[in-house]
């Protein structure tokens, strides 16, 4: 149920979350 995440680098965050945004609005 966690929905708030912290990332240190822009590119790594893009890899982690860009495709997950649609599934977790």
PDBML (XML) file of the C-alpha atoms, coordinates in Angstrom:
<?xml version="1.0" encoding="UTF-8" ?>
<PDBx:datablock datablockName="MODEL"
   xmlns:PDBx="http://pdbml.pdb.org/schema/pdbx-v50.xsd"
   xmlns:xsi="http://www.w3.org/2001/XMLSchema-instance"
   xsi:schemaLocation="http://pdbml.pdb.org/schema/pdbx-v50.xsd pdbx-v50.xsd">
   <PDBx:atom_siteCategory>
      <PDBx:atom_site id="1">
         <PDBx:B_iso_or_equiv>0.00</PDBx:B_iso_or_equiv>
         <PDBx:Cartn_x>0.000</PDBx:Cartn_x>
         <PDBx:Cartn_y>0.000</PDBx:Cartn_y>
         <PDBx:Cartn_z>0.000</PDBx:Cartn_z>
         <PDBx:auth_asym_id>A</PDBx:auth_asym_id>
         <PDBx:auth_atom_id>CA</PDBx:auth_atom_id>
         <PDBx:auth_comp_id>UNK</PDBx:auth_comp_id>
         <PDBx:auth_seq_id>1</PDBx:auth_seq_id>
         <PDBx:group_PDB>ATOM</PDBx:group_PDB>
         <PDBx:label_alt_id xsi:nil="true" />
         <PDBx:label_asym_id>A</PDBx:label_asym_id>
         <PDBx:label_atom_id>CA</PDBx:label_atom_id>
         <PDBx:label_comp_id>UNK</PDBx:label_comp_id>
         <PDBx:label_entity_id>1</PDBx:label_entity_id>
         <PDBx:label_seq_id>1</PDBx:label_seq_id>
         <PDBx:occupancy>1.00</PDBx:occupancy>
         <PDBx:pdbx_PDB_model_num>1</PDBx:pdbx_PDB_model_num>
         <PDBx:type_symbol>C</PDBx:type_symbol>
      </PDBx:atom_site>
      <PDBx:atom_site id="2">
         <PDBx:B_iso_or_equiv>0.00</PDBx:B_iso_or_equiv>
         <PDBx:Cartn_x>3.014</PDBx:Cartn_x>
         <PDBx:Cartn_y>2.322</PDBx:Cartn_y>
         <PDBx:Cartn_z>-0.003</PDBx:Cartn_z>
         <PDBx:auth_asym_id>A</PDBx:auth_asym_id>
         <PDBx:auth_atom_id>CA</PDBx:auth_atom_id>
         <PDBx:auth_comp_id>UNK</PDBx:auth_comp_id>
         <PDBx:auth_seq_id>2</PDBx:auth_seq_id>
         <PDBx:group_PDB>ATOM</PDBx:group_PDB>
         <PDBx:label_alt_id xsi:nil="true" />
         <PDBx:label_asym_id>A</PDBx:label_asym_id>
         <PDBx:label_atom_id>CA</PDBx:label_atom_id>
         <PDBx:label_comp_id>UNK</PDBx:label_comp_id>
         <PDBx:label_entity_id>1</PDBx:label_entity_id>
         <PDBx:label_seq_id>2</PDBx:label_seq_id>
         <PDBx:occupancy>1.00</PDBx:occupancy>
         <PDBx:pdbx_PDB_model_num>1</PDBx:pdbx_PDB_model_num>
         <PDBx:type_symbol>C</PDBx:type_symbol>
      </PDBx:atom_site>
      <PDBx:atom_site id="3">
         <PDBx:B_iso_or_equiv>0.00</PDBx:B_iso_or_equiv>
         <PDBx:Cartn_x>2.545</PDBx:Cartn_x>
         <PDBx:Cartn_y>5.198</PDBx:Cartn_y>
         <PDBx:Cartn_z>-2.450</PDBx:Cartn_z>
         <PDBx:auth_asym_id>A</PDBx:auth_asym_id>
         <PDBx:auth_atom_id>CA</PDBx:auth_atom_id>
         <PDBx:auth_comp_id>UNK</PDBx:auth_comp_id>
         <PDBx:auth_seq_id>3</PDBx:auth_seq_id>
         <PDBx:group_PDB>ATOM</PDBx:group_PDB>
         <PDBx:label_alt_id xsi:nil="true" />
         <PDBx:label_asym_id>A</PDBx:label_asym_id>
         <PDBx:label_atom_id>CA</PDBx:label_atom_id>
         <PDBx:label_comp_id>UNK</PDBx:label_comp_id>
         <PDBx:label_entity_id>1</PDBx:label_entity_id>
         <PDBx:label_seq_id>3</PDBx:label_seq_id>
         <PDBx:occupancy>1.00</PDBx:occupancy>
         <PDBx:pdbx_PDB_model_num>1</PDBx:pdbx_PDB_model_num>
         <PDBx:type_symbol>C</PDBx:type_symbol>
      </PDBx:atom_site>
      <PDBx:atom_site id="4">
         <PDBx:B_iso_or_equiv>0.00</PDBx:B_iso_or_equiv>
         <PDBx:Cartn_x>5.107</PDBx:Cartn_x>
         <PDBx:Cartn_y>7.849</PDBx:Cartn_y>
         <PDBx:Cartn_z>-1.429</PDBx:Cartn_z>
         <PDBx:auth_asym_id>A</PDBx:auth_asym_id>
         <PDBx:auth_atom_id>CA</PDBx:auth_atom_id>
         <PDBx:auth_comp_id>UNK</PDBx:auth_comp_id>
         <PDBx:auth_seq_id>4</PDBx:auth_seq_id>
         <PDBx:group_PDB>ATOM</PDBx:group_PDB>
         <PDBx:label_alt_id xsi:nil="true" />
         <PDBx:label_asym_id>A</PDBx:label_asym_id>
         <PDBx:label_atom_id>CA</PDBx:label_atom_id>
         <PDBx:label_comp_id>UNK</PDBx:label_comp_id>
         <PDBx:label_entity_id>1</PDBx:label_entity_id>
         <PDBx:label_seq_id>4</PDBx:label_seq_id>
         <PDBx:occupancy>1.00</PDBx:occupancy>
         <PDBx:pdbx_PDB_model_num>1</PDBx:pdbx_PDB_model_num>
         <PDBx:type_symbol>C</PDBx:type_symbol>
      </PDBx:atom_site>
      <PDBx:atom_site id="5">
         <PDBx:B_iso_or_equiv>0.00</PDBx:B_iso_or_equiv>
         <PDBx:Cartn_x>8.639</PDBx:Cartn_x>
         <PDBx:Cartn_y>7.204</PDBx:Cartn_y>
         <PDBx:Cartn_z>-2.654</PDBx:Cartn_z>
         <PDBx:auth_asym_id>A</PDBx:auth_asym_id>
         <PDBx:auth_atom_id>CA</PDBx:auth_atom_id>
         <PDBx:auth_comp_id>UNK</PDBx:auth_comp_id>
         <PDBx:auth_seq_id>5</PDBx:auth_seq_id>
         <PDBx:group_PDB>ATOM</PDBx:group_PDB>
         <PDBx:label_alt_id xsi:nil="true" />
         <PDBx:label_asym_id>A</PDBx:label_asym_id>
         <PDBx:label_atom_id>CA</PDBx:label_atom_id>
         <PDBx:label_comp_id>UNK</PDBx:label_comp_id>
         <PDBx:label_entity_id>1</PDBx:label_entity_id>
         <PDBx:label_seq_id>5</PDBx:label_seq_id>
         <PDBx:occupancy>1.00</PDBx:occupancy>
         <PDBx:pdbx_PDB_model_num>1</PDBx:pdbx_PDB_model_num>
         <PDBx:type_symbol>C</PDBx:type_symbol>
      </PDBx:atom_site>
      <PDBx:atom_site id="6">
         <PDBx:B_iso_or_equiv>0.00</PDBx:B_iso_or_equiv>
         <PDBx:Cartn_x>11.894</PDBx:Cartn_x>
         <PDBx:Cartn_y>9.138</PDBx:Cartn_y>
         <PDBx:Cartn_z>-2.533</PDBx:Cartn_z>
         <PDBx:auth_asym_id>A</PDBx:auth_asym_id>
         <PDBx:auth_atom_id>CA</PDBx:auth_atom_id>
         <PDBx:auth_comp_id>UNK</PDBx:auth_comp_id>
         <PDBx:auth_seq_id>6</PDBx:auth_seq_id>
         <PDBx:group_PDB>ATOM</PDBx:group_PDB>
         <PDBx:label_alt_id xsi:nil="true" />
         <PDBx:label_asym_id>A</PDBx:label_asym_id>
         <PDBx:label_atom_id>CA</PDBx:label_atom_id>
         <PDBx:label_comp_id>UNK</PDBx:label_comp_id>
         <PDBx:label_entity_id>1</PDBx:label_entity_id>
         <PDBx:label_seq_id>6</PDBx:label_seq_id>
         <PDBx:occupancy>1.00</PDBx:occupancy>
         <PDBx:pdbx_PDB_model_num>1</PDBx:pdbx_PDB_model_num>
         <PDBx:type_symbol>C</PDBx:type_symbol>
      </PDBx:atom_site>
      <PDBx:atom_site id="7">
         <PDBx:B_iso_or_equiv>0.00</PDBx:B_iso_or_equiv>
         <PDBx:Cartn_x>14.568</PDBx:Cartn_x>
         <PDBx:Cartn_y>8.965</PDBx:Cartn_y>
         <PDBx:Cartn_z>-5.204</PDBx:Cartn_z>
         <PDBx:auth_asym_id>A</PDBx:auth_asym_id>
         <PDBx:auth_atom_id>CA</PDBx:auth_atom_id>
         <PDBx:auth_comp_id>UNK</PDBx:auth_comp_id>
         <PDBx:auth_seq_id>7</PDBx:auth_seq_id>
         <PDBx:group_PDB>ATOM</PDBx:group_PDB>
         <PDBx:label_alt_id xsi:nil="true" />
         <PDBx:label_asym_id>A</PDBx:label_asym_id>
         <PDBx:label_atom_id>CA</PDBx:label_atom_id>
         <PDBx:label_comp_id>UNK</PDBx:label_comp_id>
         <PDBx:label_entity_id>1</PDBx:label_entity_id>
         <PDBx:label_seq_id>7</PDBx:label_seq_id>
         <PDBx:occupancy>1.00</PDBx:occupancy>
         <PDBx:pdbx_PDB_model_num>1</PDBx:pdbx_PDB_model_num>
         <PDBx:type_symbol>C</PDBx:type_symbol>
      </PDBx:atom_site>
      <PDBx:atom_site id="8">
         <PDBx:B_iso_or_equiv>0.00</PDBx:B_iso_or_equiv>
         <PDBx:Cartn_x>18.057</PDBx:Cartn_x>
         <PDBx:Cartn_y>10.480</PDBx:Cartn_y>
         <PDBx:Cartn_z>-5.407</PDBx:Cartn_z>
         <PDBx:auth_asym_id>A</PDBx:auth_asym_id>
         <PDBx:auth_atom_id>CA</PDBx:auth_atom_id>
         <PDBx:auth_comp_id>UNK</PDBx:auth_comp_id>
         <PDBx:auth_seq_id>8</PDBx:auth_seq_id>
         <PDBx:group_PDB>ATOM</PDBx:group_PDB>
         <PDBx:label_alt_id xsi:nil="true" />
         <PDBx:label_asym_id>A</PDBx:label_asym_id>
         <PDBx:label_atom_id>CA</PDBx:label_atom_id>
         <PDBx:label_comp_id>UNK</PDBx:label_comp_id>
         <PDBx:label_entity_id>1</PDBx:label_entity_id>
         <PDBx:label_seq_id>8</PDBx:label_seq_id>
         <PDBx:occupancy>1.00</PDBx:occupancy>
         <PDBx:pdbx_PDB_model_num>1</PDBx:pdbx_PDB_model_num>
         <PDBx:type_symbol>C</PDBx:type_symbol>
      </PDBx:atom_site>
      <PDBx:atom_site id="9">
         <PDBx:B_iso_or_equiv>0.00</PDBx:B_iso_or_equiv>
         <PDBx:Cartn_x>18.639</PDBx:Cartn_x>
         <PDBx:Cartn_y>10.623</PDBx:Cartn_y>
         <PDBx:Cartn_z>-9.154</PDBx:Cartn_z>
         <PDBx:auth_asym_id>A</PDBx:auth_asym_id>
         <PDBx:auth_atom_id>CA</PDBx:auth_atom_id>
         <PDBx:auth_comp_id>UNK</PDBx:auth_comp_id>
         <PDBx:auth_seq_id>9</PDBx:auth_seq_id>
         <PDBx:group_PDB>ATOM</PDBx:group_PDB>
         <PDBx:label_alt_id xsi:nil="true" />
         <PDBx:label_asym_id>A</PDBx:label_asym_id>
         <PDBx:label_atom_id>CA</PDBx:label_atom_id>
         <PDBx:label_comp_id>UNK</PDBx:label_comp_id>
         <PDBx:label_entity_id>1</PDBx:label_entity_id>
         <PDBx:label_seq_id>9</PDBx:label_seq_id>
         <PDBx:occupancy>1.00</PDBx:occupancy>
         <PDBx:pdbx_PDB_model_num>1</PDBx:pdbx_PDB_model_num>
         <PDBx:type_symbol>C</PDBx:type_symbol>
      </PDBx:atom_site>
      <PDBx:atom_site id="10">
         <PDBx:B_iso_or_equiv>0.00</PDBx:B_iso_or_equiv>
         <PDBx:Cartn_x>16.383</PDBx:Cartn_x>
         <PDBx:Cartn_y>11.762</PDBx:Cartn_y>
         <PDBx:Cartn_z>-11.973</PDBx:Cartn_z>
         <PDBx:auth_asym_id>A</PDBx:auth_asym_id>
         <PDBx:auth_atom_id>CA</PDBx:auth_atom_id>
         <PDBx:auth_comp_id>UNK</PDBx:auth_comp_id>
         <PDBx:auth_seq_id>10</PDBx:auth_seq_id>
         <PDBx:group_PDB>ATOM</PDBx:group_PDB>
         <PDBx:label_alt_id xsi:nil="true" />
         <PDBx:label_asym_id>A</PDBx:label_asym_id>
         <PDBx:label_atom_id>CA</PDBx:label_atom_id>
         <PDBx:label_comp_id>UNK</PDBx:label_comp_id>
         <PDBx:label_entity_id>1</PDBx:label_entity_id>
         <PDBx:label_seq_id>10</PDBx:label_seq_id>
         <PDBx:occupancy>1.00</PDBx:occupancy>
         <PDBx:pdbx_PDB_model_num>1</PDBx:pdbx_PDB_model_num>
         <PDBx:type_symbol>C</PDBx:type_symbol>
      </PDBx:atom_site>
      <PDBx:atom_site id="11">
         <PDBx:B_iso_or_equiv>0.00</PDBx:B_iso_or_equiv>
         <PDBx:Cartn_x>17.348</PDBx:Cartn_x>
         <PDBx:Cartn_y>9.071</PDBx:Cartn_y>
         <PDBx:Cartn_z>-14.481</PDBx:Cartn_z>
         <PDBx:auth_asym_id>A</PDBx:auth_asym_id>
         <PDBx:auth_atom_id>CA</PDBx:auth_atom_id>
         <PDBx:auth_comp_id>UNK</PDBx:auth_comp_id>
         <PDBx:auth_seq_id>11</PDBx:auth_seq_id>
         <PDBx:group_PDB>ATOM</PDBx:group_PDB>
         <PDBx:label_alt_id xsi:nil="true" />
         <PDBx:label_asym_id>A</PDBx:label_asym_id>
         <PDBx:label_atom_id>CA</PDBx:label_atom_id>
         <PDBx:label_comp_id>UNK</PDBx:label_comp_id>
         <PDBx:label_entity_id>1</PDBx:label_entity_id>
         <PDBx:label_seq_id>11</PDBx:label_seq_id>
         <PDBx:occupancy>1.00</PDBx:occupancy>
         <PDBx:pdbx_PDB_model_num>1</PDBx:pdbx_PDB_model_num>
         <PDBx:type_symbol>C</PDBx:type_symbol>
      </PDBx:atom_site>
      <PDBx:atom_site id="12">
         <PDBx:B_iso_or_equiv>0.00</PDBx:B_iso_or_equiv>
         <PDBx:Cartn_x>17.063</PDBx:Cartn_x>
         <PDBx:Cartn_y>6.218</PDBx:Cartn_y>
         <PDBx:Cartn_z>-12.012</PDBx:Cartn_z>
         <PDBx:auth_asym_id>A</PDBx:auth_asym_id>
         <PDBx:auth_atom_id>CA</PDBx:auth_atom_id>
         <PDBx:auth_comp_id>UNK</PDBx:auth_comp_id>
         <PDBx:auth_seq_id>12</PDBx:auth_seq_id>
         <PDBx:group_PDB>ATOM</PDBx:group_PDB>
         <PDBx:label_alt_id xsi:nil="true" />
         <PDBx:label_asym_id>A</PDBx:label_asym_id>
         <PDBx:label_atom_id>CA</PDBx:label_atom_id>
         <PDBx:label_comp_id>UNK</PDBx:label_comp_id>
         <PDBx:label_entity_id>1</PDBx:label_entity_id>
         <PDBx:label_seq_id>12</PDBx:label_seq_id>
         <PDBx:occupancy>1.00</PDBx:occupancy>
         <PDBx:pdbx_PDB_model_num>1</PDBx:pdbx_PDB_model_num>
         <PDBx:type_symbol>C</PDBx:type_symbol>
      </PDBx:atom_site>
      <PDBx:atom_site id="13">
         <PDBx:B_iso_or_equiv>0.00</PDBx:B_iso_or_equiv>
         <PDBx:Cartn_x>13.682</PDBx:Cartn_x>
         <PDBx:Cartn_y>7.511</PDBx:Cartn_y>
         <PDBx:Cartn_z>-10.891</PDBx:Cartn_z>
         <PDBx:auth_asym_id>A</PDBx:auth_asym_id>
         <PDBx:auth_atom_id>CA</PDBx:auth_atom_id>
         <PDBx:auth_comp_id>UNK</PDBx:auth_comp_id>
         <PDBx:auth_seq_id>13</PDBx:auth_seq_id>
         <PDBx:group_PDB>ATOM</PDBx:group_PDB>
         <PDBx:label_alt_id xsi:nil="true" />
         <PDBx:label_asym_id>A</PDBx:label_asym_id>
         <PDBx:label_atom_id>CA</PDBx:label_atom_id>
         <PDBx:label_comp_id>UNK</PDBx:label_comp_id>
         <PDBx:label_entity_id>1</PDBx:label_entity_id>
         <PDBx:label_seq_id>13</PDBx:label_seq_id>
         <PDBx:occupancy>1.00</PDBx:occupancy>
         <PDBx:pdbx_PDB_model_num>1</PDBx:pdbx_PDB_model_num>
         <PDBx:type_symbol>C</PDBx:type_symbol>
      </PDBx:atom_site>
      <PDBx:atom_site id="14">
         <PDBx:B_iso_or_equiv>0.00</PDBx:B_iso_or_equiv>
         <PDBx:Cartn_x>12.520</PDBx:Cartn_x>
         <PDBx:Cartn_y>7.601</PDBx:Cartn_y>
         <PDBx:Cartn_z>-14.508</PDBx:Cartn_z>
         <PDBx:auth_asym_id>A</PDBx:auth_asym_id>
         <PDBx:auth_atom_id>CA</PDBx:auth_atom_id>
         <PDBx:auth_comp_id>UNK</PDBx:auth_comp_id>
         <PDBx:auth_seq_id>14</PDBx:auth_seq_id>
         <PDBx:group_PDB>ATOM</PDBx:group_PDB>
         <PDBx:label_alt_id xsi:nil="true" />
         <PDBx:label_asym_id>A</PDBx:label_asym_id>
         <PDBx:label_atom_id>CA</PDBx:label_atom_id>
         <PDBx:label_comp_id>UNK</PDBx:label_comp_id>
         <PDBx:label_entity_id>1</PDBx:label_entity_id>
         <PDBx:label_seq_id>14</PDBx:label_seq_id>
         <PDBx:occupancy>1.00</PDBx:occupancy>
         <PDBx:pdbx_PDB_model_num>1</PDBx:pdbx_PDB_model_num>
         <PDBx:type_symbol>C</PDBx:type_symbol>
      </PDBx:atom_site>
      <PDBx:atom_site id="15">
         <PDBx:B_iso_or_equiv>0.00</PDBx:B_iso_or_equiv>
         <PDBx:Cartn_x>13.532</PDBx:Cartn_x>
         <PDBx:Cartn_y>3.961</PDBx:Cartn_y>
         <PDBx:Cartn_z>-14.907</PDBx:Cartn_z>
         <PDBx:auth_asym_id>A</PDBx:auth_asym_id>
         <PDBx:auth_atom_id>CA</PDBx:auth_atom_id>
         <PDBx:auth_comp_id>UNK</PDBx:auth_comp_id>
         <PDBx:auth_seq_id>15</PDBx:auth_seq_id>
         <PDBx:group_PDB>ATOM</PDBx:group_PDB>
         <PDBx:label_alt_id xsi:nil="true" />
         <PDBx:label_asym_id>A</PDBx:label_asym_id>
         <PDBx:label_atom_id>CA</PDBx:label_atom_id>
         <PDBx:label_comp_id>UNK</PDBx:label_comp_id>
         <PDBx:label_entity_id>1</PDBx:label_entity_id>
         <PDBx:label_seq_id>15</PDBx:label_seq_id>
         <PDBx:occupancy>1.00</PDBx:occupancy>
         <PDBx:pdbx_PDB_model_num>1</PDBx:pdbx_PDB_model_num>
         <PDBx:type_symbol>C</PDBx:type_symbol>
      </PDBx:atom_site>
      <PDBx:atom_site id="16">
         <PDBx:B_iso_or_equiv>0.00</PDBx:B_iso_or_equiv>
         <PDBx:Cartn_x>11.743</PDBx:Cartn_x>
         <PDBx:Cartn_y>3.013</PDBx:Cartn_y>
         <PDBx:Cartn_z>-11.699</PDBx:Cartn_z>
         <PDBx:auth_asym_id>A</PDBx:auth_asym_id>
         <PDBx:auth_atom_id>CA</PDBx:auth_atom_id>
         <PDBx:auth_comp_id>UNK</PDBx:auth_comp_id>
         <PDBx:auth_seq_id>16</PDBx:auth_seq_id>
         <PDBx:group_PDB>ATOM</PDBx:group_PDB>
         <PDBx:label_alt_id xsi:nil="true" />
         <PDBx:label_asym_id>A</PDBx:label_asym_id>
         <PDBx:label_atom_id>CA</PDBx:label_atom_id>
         <PDBx:label_comp_id>UNK</PDBx:label_comp_id>
         <PDBx:label_entity_id>1</PDBx:label_entity_id>
         <PDBx:label_seq_id>16</PDBx:label_seq_id>
         <PDBx:occupancy>1.00</PDBx:occupancy>
         <PDBx:pdbx_PDB_model_num>1</PDBx:pdbx_PDB_model_num>
         <PDBx:type_symbol>C</PDBx:type_symbol>
      </PDBx:atom_site>
      <PDBx:atom_site id="17">
         <PDBx:B_iso_or_equiv>0.00</PDBx:B_iso_or_equiv>
         <PDBx:Cartn_x>8.498</PDBx:Cartn_x>
         <PDBx:Cartn_y>4.907</PDBx:Cartn_y>
         <PDBx:Cartn_z>-12.059</PDBx:Cartn_z>
         <PDBx:auth_asym_id>A</PDBx:auth_asym_id>
         <PDBx:auth_atom_id>CA</PDBx:auth_atom_id>
         <PDBx:auth_comp_id>UNK</PDBx:auth_comp_id>
         <PDBx:auth_seq_id>17</PDBx:auth_seq_id>
         <PDBx:group_PDB>ATOM</PDBx:group_PDB>
         <PDBx:label_alt_id xsi:nil="true" />
         <PDBx:label_asym_id>A</PDBx:label_asym_id>
         <PDBx:label_atom_id>CA</PDBx:label_atom_id>
         <PDBx:label_comp_id>UNK</PDBx:label_comp_id>
         <PDBx:label_entity_id>1</PDBx:label_entity_id>
         <PDBx:label_seq_id>17</PDBx:label_seq_id>
         <PDBx:occupancy>1.00</PDBx:occupancy>
         <PDBx:pdbx_PDB_model_num>1</PDBx:pdbx_PDB_model_num>
         <PDBx:type_symbol>C</PDBx:type_symbol>
      </PDBx:atom_site>
      <PDBx:atom_site id="18">
         <PDBx:B_iso_or_equiv>0.00</PDBx:B_iso_or_equiv>
         <PDBx:Cartn_x>7.747</PDBx:Cartn_x>
         <PDBx:Cartn_y>6.229</PDBx:Cartn_y>
         <PDBx:Cartn_z>-15.554</PDBx:Cartn_z>
         <PDBx:auth_asym_id>A</PDBx:auth_asym_id>
         <PDBx:auth_atom_id>CA</PDBx:auth_atom_id>
         <PDBx:auth_comp_id>UNK</PDBx:auth_comp_id>
         <PDBx:auth_seq_id>18</PDBx:auth_seq_id>
         <PDBx:group_PDB>ATOM</PDBx:group_PDB>
         <PDBx:label_alt_id xsi:nil="true" />
         <PDBx:label_asym_id>A</PDBx:label_asym_id>
         <PDBx:label_atom_id>CA</PDBx:label_atom_id>
         <PDBx:label_comp_id>UNK</PDBx:label_comp_id>
         <PDBx:label_entity_id>1</PDBx:label_entity_id>
         <PDBx:label_seq_id>18</PDBx:label_seq_id>
         <PDBx:occupancy>1.00</PDBx:occupancy>
         <PDBx:pdbx_PDB_model_num>1</PDBx:pdbx_PDB_model_num>
         <PDBx:type_symbol>C</PDBx:type_symbol>
      </PDBx:atom_site>
      <PDBx:atom_site id="19">
         <PDBx:B_iso_or_equiv>0.00</PDBx:B_iso_or_equiv>
         <PDBx:Cartn_x>5.915</PDBx:Cartn_x>
         <PDBx:Cartn_y>3.047</PDBx:Cartn_y>
         <PDBx:Cartn_z>-16.589</PDBx:Cartn_z>
         <PDBx:auth_asym_id>A</PDBx:auth_asym_id>
         <PDBx:auth_atom_id>CA</PDBx:auth_atom_id>
         <PDBx:auth_comp_id>UNK</PDBx:auth_comp_id>
         <PDBx:auth_seq_id>19</PDBx:auth_seq_id>
         <PDBx:group_PDB>ATOM</PDBx:group_PDB>
         <PDBx:label_alt_id xsi:nil="true" />
         <PDBx:label_asym_id>A</PDBx:label_asym_id>
         <PDBx:label_atom_id>CA</PDBx:label_atom_id>
         <PDBx:label_comp_id>UNK</PDBx:label_comp_id>
         <PDBx:label_entity_id>1</PDBx:label_entity_id>
         <PDBx:label_seq_id>19</PDBx:label_seq_id>
         <PDBx:occupancy>1.00</PDBx:occupancy>
         <PDBx:pdbx_PDB_model_num>1</PDBx:pdbx_PDB_model_num>
         <PDBx:type_symbol>C</PDBx:type_symbol>
      </PDBx:atom_site>
      <PDBx:atom_site id="20">
         <PDBx:B_iso_or_equiv>0.00</PDBx:B_iso_or_equiv>
         <PDBx:Cartn_x>4.271</PDBx:Cartn_x>
         <PDBx:Cartn_y>2.544</PDBx:Cartn_y>
         <PDBx:Cartn_z>-13.185</PDBx:Cartn_z>
         <PDBx:auth_asym_id>A</PDBx:auth_asym_id>
         <PDBx:auth_atom_id>CA</PDBx:auth_atom_id>
         <PDBx:auth_comp_id>UNK</PDBx:auth_comp_id>
         <PDBx:auth_seq_id>20</PDBx:auth_seq_id>
         <PDBx:group_PDB>ATOM</PDBx:group_PDB>
         <PDBx:label_alt_id xsi:nil="true" />
         <PDBx:label_asym_id>A</PDBx:label_asym_id>
         <PDBx:label_atom_id>CA</PDBx:label_atom_id>
         <PDBx:label_comp_id>UNK</PDBx:label_comp_id>
         <PDBx:label_entity_id>1</PDBx:label_entity_id>
         <PDBx:label_seq_id>20</PDBx:label_seq_id>
         <PDBx:occupancy>1.00</PDBx:occupancy>
         <PDBx:pdbx_PDB_model_num>1</PDBx:pdbx_PDB_model_num>
         <PDBx:type_symbol>C</PDBx:type_symbol>
      </PDBx:atom_site>
      <PDBx:atom_site id="21">
         <PDBx:B_iso_or_equiv>0.00</PDBx:B_iso_or_equiv>
         <PDBx:Cartn_x>2.498</PDBx:Cartn_x>
         <PDBx:Cartn_y>5.895</PDBx:Cartn_y>
         <PDBx:Cartn_z>-13.021</PDBx:Cartn_z>
         <PDBx:auth_asym_id>A</PDBx:auth_asym_id>
         <PDBx:auth_atom_id>CA</PDBx:auth_atom_id>
         <PDBx:auth_comp_id>UNK</PDBx:auth_comp_id>
         <PDBx:auth_seq_id>21</PDBx:auth_seq_id>
         <PDBx:group_PDB>ATOM</PDBx:group_PDB>
         <PDBx:label_alt_id xsi:nil="true" />
         <PDBx:label_asym_id>A</PDBx:label_asym_id>
         <PDBx:label_atom_id>CA</PDBx:label_atom_id>
         <PDBx:label_comp_id>UNK</PDBx:label_comp_id>
         <PDBx:label_entity_id>1</PDBx:label_entity_id>
         <PDBx:label_seq_id>21</PDBx:label_seq_id>
         <PDBx:occupancy>1.00</PDBx:occupancy>
         <PDBx:pdbx_PDB_model_num>1</PDBx:pdbx_PDB_model_num>
         <PDBx:type_symbol>C</PDBx:type_symbol>
      </PDBx:atom_site>
      <PDBx:atom_site id="22">
         <PDBx:B_iso_or_equiv>0.00</PDBx:B_iso_or_equiv>
         <PDBx:Cartn_x>-0.480</PDBx:Cartn_x>
         <PDBx:Cartn_y>4.733</PDBx:Cartn_y>
         <PDBx:Cartn_z>-15.095</PDBx:Cartn_z>
         <PDBx:auth_asym_id>A</PDBx:auth_asym_id>
         <PDBx:auth_atom_id>CA</PDBx:auth_atom_id>
         <PDBx:auth_comp_id>UNK</PDBx:auth_comp_id>
         <PDBx:auth_seq_id>22</PDBx:auth_seq_id>
         <PDBx:group_PDB>ATOM</PDBx:group_PDB>
         <PDBx:label_alt_id xsi:nil="true" />
         <PDBx:label_asym_id>A</PDBx:label_asym_id>
         <PDBx:label_atom_id>CA</PDBx:label_atom_id>
         <PDBx:label_comp_id>UNK</PDBx:label_comp_id>
         <PDBx:label_entity_id>1</PDBx:label_entity_id>
         <PDBx:label_seq_id>22</PDBx:label_seq_id>
         <PDBx:occupancy>1.00</PDBx:occupancy>
         <PDBx:pdbx_PDB_model_num>1</PDBx:pdbx_PDB_model_num>
         <PDBx:type_symbol>C</PDBx:type_symbol>
      </PDBx:atom_site>
      <PDBx:atom_site id="23">
         <PDBx:B_iso_or_equiv>0.00</PDBx:B_iso_or_equiv>
         <PDBx:Cartn_x>-1.084</PDBx:Cartn_x>
         <PDBx:Cartn_y>1.749</PDBx:Cartn_y>
         <PDBx:Cartn_z>-12.820</PDBx:Cartn_z>
         <PDBx:auth_asym_id>A</PDBx:auth_asym_id>
         <PDBx:auth_atom_id>CA</PDBx:auth_atom_id>
         <PDBx:auth_comp_id>UNK</PDBx:auth_comp_id>
         <PDBx:auth_seq_id>23</PDBx:auth_seq_id>
         <PDBx:group_PDB>ATOM</PDBx:group_PDB>
         <PDBx:label_alt_id xsi:nil="true" />
         <PDBx:label_asym_id>A</PDBx:label_asym_id>
         <PDBx:label_atom_id>CA</PDBx:label_atom_id>
         <PDBx:label_comp_id>UNK</PDBx:label_comp_id>
         <PDBx:label_entity_id>1</PDBx:label_entity_id>
         <PDBx:label_seq_id>23</PDBx:label_seq_id>
         <PDBx:occupancy>1.00</PDBx:occupancy>
         <PDBx:pdbx_PDB_model_num>1</PDBx:pdbx_PDB_model_num>
         <PDBx:type_symbol>C</PDBx:type_symbol>
      </PDBx:atom_site>
      <PDBx:atom_site id="24">
         <PDBx:B_iso_or_equiv>0.00</PDBx:B_iso_or_equiv>
         <PDBx:Cartn_x>-0.721</PDBx:Cartn_x>
         <PDBx:Cartn_y>3.809</PDBx:Cartn_y>
         <PDBx:Cartn_z>-9.632</PDBx:Cartn_z>
         <PDBx:auth_asym_id>A</PDBx:auth_asym_id>
         <PDBx:auth_atom_id>CA</PDBx:auth_atom_id>
         <PDBx:auth_comp_id>UNK</PDBx:auth_comp_id>
         <PDBx:auth_seq_id>24</PDBx:auth_seq_id>
         <PDBx:group_PDB>ATOM</PDBx:group_PDB>
         <PDBx:label_alt_id xsi:nil="true" />
         <PDBx:label_asym_id>A</PDBx:label_asym_id>
         <PDBx:label_atom_id>CA</PDBx:label_atom_id>
         <PDBx:label_comp_id>UNK</PDBx:label_comp_id>
         <PDBx:label_entity_id>1</PDBx:label_entity_id>
         <PDBx:label_seq_id>24</PDBx:label_seq_id>
         <PDBx:occupancy>1.00</PDBx:occupancy>
         <PDBx:pdbx_PDB_model_num>1</PDBx:pdbx_PDB_model_num>
         <PDBx:type_symbol>C</PDBx:type_symbol>
      </PDBx:atom_site>
      <PDBx:atom_site id="25">
         <PDBx:B_iso_or_equiv>0.00</PDBx:B_iso_or_equiv>
         <PDBx:Cartn_x>-2.320</PDBx:Cartn_x>
         <PDBx:Cartn_y>7.237</PDBx:Cartn_y>
         <PDBx:Cartn_z>-10.171</PDBx:Cartn_z>
         <PDBx:auth_asym_id>A</PDBx:auth_asym_id>
         <PDBx:auth_atom_id>CA</PDBx:auth_atom_id>
         <PDBx:auth_comp_id>UNK</PDBx:auth_comp_id>
         <PDBx:auth_seq_id>25</PDBx:auth_seq_id>
         <PDBx:group_PDB>ATOM</PDBx:group_PDB>
         <PDBx:label_alt_id xsi:nil="true" />
         <PDBx:label_asym_id>A</PDBx:label_asym_id>
         <PDBx:label_atom_id>CA</PDBx:label_atom_id>
         <PDBx:label_comp_id>UNK</PDBx:label_comp_id>
         <PDBx:label_entity_id>1</PDBx:label_entity_id>
         <PDBx:label_seq_id>25</PDBx:label_seq_id>
         <PDBx:occupancy>1.00</PDBx:occupancy>
         <PDBx:pdbx_PDB_model_num>1</PDBx:pdbx_PDB_model_num>
         <PDBx:type_symbol>C</PDBx:type_symbol>
      </PDBx:atom_site>
   </PDBx:atom_siteCategory>
</PDBx:datablock>
